[in-house]
Amino acid sequence: MSGITAAAVLTGSLLGVGLWIAFVRLPVMRRATFTQRVAPQLRSVDRGSRLLHGEPASVTPFGPLEHIIRPLLDDAVGALSRLNLGNATLARRLAQAGSTKSAVDFRAEQLLCAGGSFAVAALGAAAAALSGRTTAVFAVLMVVAATVAGFMARDYLLGAAIARRKQRILGEFPSVADMMALAVGAGETAAGALDRTARVSKGDLAGEFEKVLAHARSGAPLVEALQAMADRVDLAPITRFVDGLIVAIERGTPLSDVLRAQAQDVRDLAKRELMEAAGKKEIGMMVPLVFGVLPLTVVFAVYPGVAAITLGF
């Protein structure tokens, strides 16, 4: 592809995208939603001044440019929501990561990542095509692959955040369980022990306890709030911990010994995982040893003899 042809393709693409955006933003092309249709009839209910209404939460880091990008972004997020790409599962994963974002906000971030990757890849492909280093087909494939990679990279970062938070919760659990066991042994109820532990401790698990207490104070049963916490965290030790608390609340069974045993189980689990990680590292160390150090040692050991034979010494 020559430079003139590549420039013509890029200019035509930009012109087509601009005309398409201008066309779809025309009033006749935008179907009014139910909220927009009934809003004029409900204005009398809102007694507050519209001058005091805050600006909507910022989704993009572009400042004033967001007023131009937001309508297109809202339409794209709405289209993704209508496709129902696992929104319930996504909301659960966001809760596991401890994020307060909704599924719609996360989809918007994914679209922004995909758009940024598309822009960077398009500029790189255009520069490569203008210099004649690549063909048009490979340039298009590169742009598509970069866009998909940008879209999936945000999901990968969410998975990494969930894994890190679970590790932090497992690390905090033994100390928190021991603290609750001491509180229960001193005469506190299960709810009182939760409250005391949430007040004196810090971390992700203490934050989950605060959510449980806030849920219970809002009128929900404590058992239901604990079960919701177990569903959010989705860890086997936390699920067993919640089951023990529920049994103690419903039946009045002793809880301190159970909490200490669960804390010891988590400590033993951490030790086993550490031993497994050490074993995997030991096997990994064999790769450079066998394929790097050992051949070099053999070369140093054999080369003098081979050289002596070759020279006839």
Foldseek 3Di string as FASTA:
>chain_A
DELVVLVVVVVVVVVVVVVVVVVCPDPVNDDDDPCRVCVVVCPVVDPDDPVPDDDDDDLDPPPPCCVVVVVVLVVVLVVVVVVCPPQVVVQLLCLLLVHPDHSSSLQSQLQVQLVVQLVVLLVVLSVCVNVVNDDPVVSVVSSVVSSVCSSCVSVVVSVVSSVVQLVQCLVCQLVLLLQLLVVVVVPDANLRSLVVSLVPDDDDVSVLSVQLVVVVVVPDDSLVSLVVSCSSNVDPLSVVLSVLNVCCVVPVDDRSVVSNVSSVVSVVVVVVVVVVVVVVVVVVVVVCVVPPVVVVVVCVVCVVVVVCVVVVD
